[in-house]
C-alpha cells in the first residue's frame, strides 16, 4: 500500500515537473506566490528604510 502511494506521488511530481518545463504560462502561474511574497518583502524593506531615515532625521534635527 505504501509503495502504491509513493509511486502515485512520484508520478504526480513527474507530471507537474514536465508541465512546468513545457508550458511557460503554467510556470508563471505556479511561481506567482513566490513573486508575490518577494514584492511584500520589498515593500516591508522600503518601509523599514524610510522609517530609519525618518528616525535619523528626528535625531539629527533635535540635536541642532
Protein backbone atom coordinates (compact mmCIF):
# COMPACT_ATOMS: atom_id res chain seq x y z
CA UNK A 1 0.00 0.00 0.00
CA UNK A 2 2.79 2.40 0.91
CA UNK A 3 4.58 1.55 -2.34
CA UNK A 4 1.45 2.46 -4.30
CA UNK A 5 1.24 5.84 -2.55
CA UNK A 6 4.93 6.55 -3.21
CA UNK A 7 4.57 5.59 -6.87
CA UNK A 8 1.44 7.74 -7.29
CA UNK A 9 3.04 10.79 -5.67
CA UNK A 10 6.24 10.30 -7.69
CA UNK A 11 4.22 10.09 -10.92
CA UNK A 12 2.29 13.23 -9.98
CA UNK A 13 5.51 15.12 -9.29
CA UNK A 14 6.97 13.94 -12.60
CA UNK A 15 3.88 15.14 -14.48
CA UNK A 16 3.94 18.52 -12.72
CA UNK A 17 7.65 18.97 -13.49
CA UNK A 18 7.05 18.04 -17.12
CA UNK A 19 4.15 20.51 -17.44
CA UNK A 20 6.18 23.23 -15.65
CA UNK A 21 9.08 22.70 -18.07
CA UNK A 22 6.92 22.50 -21.21
CA UNK A 23 4.42 25.38 -20.77
CA UNK A 24 5.71 28.82 -19.68
CA UNK A 25 2.19 30.06 -18.83
CA UNK A 26 1.86 27.29 -16.24
CA UNK A 27 5.30 28.22 -14.88
CA UNK A 28 4.18 31.84 -14.36
CA UNK A 29 1.02 30.70 -12.57
CA UNK A 30 2.82 28.17 -10.35
CA UNK A 31 5.56 30.66 -9.34
CA UNK A 32 3.17 33.58 -8.70
CA UNK A 33 3.10 33.12 -4.88
CA UNK A 34 6.90 33.37 -4.75
CA UNK A 35 6.92 36.69 -6.60
CA UNK A 36 4.02 37.96 -4.51
CA UNK A 37 5.95 37.26 -1.32
CA UNK A 38 9.07 38.92 -2.73
CA UNK A 39 7.03 42.05 -3.53
CA UNK A 40 5.68 42.10 0.04
CA UNK A 41 9.21 41.74 1.43
CA UNK A 42 10.36 44.60 -0.79
CA UNK A 43 7.58 46.85 0.49
CA UNK A 44 8.46 45.97 4.09
CA UNK A 45 12.15 46.65 3.47
CA UNK A 46 11.32 50.00 1.83
CA UNK A 47 9.07 50.91 4.75
CA UNK A 48 11.76 49.99 7.29
CA UNK A 49 14.38 52.01 5.40
CA UNK A 50 12.04 55.02 5.25
CA UNK A 51 11.29 54.68 8.96
CA UNK A 52 15.00 54.55 9.78
CA UNK A 53 15.65 57.63 7.64
CA UNK A 54 12.81 59.41 9.39
CA UNK A 55 14.22 58.45 12.80
CA UNK A 56 17.66 59.69 11.76
CA UNK A 57 16.16 63.00 10.68
CA UNK A 58 14.41 63.38 14.00
CA UNK A 59 17.58 62.59 15.94
CA UNK A 60 19.73 64.89 13.76
CA UNK A 61 17.09 67.63 13.77
CA UNK A 62 16.78 67.55 17.54
CA UNK A 63 20.50 67.88 18.15
CA UNK A 64 20.86 71.18 16.30
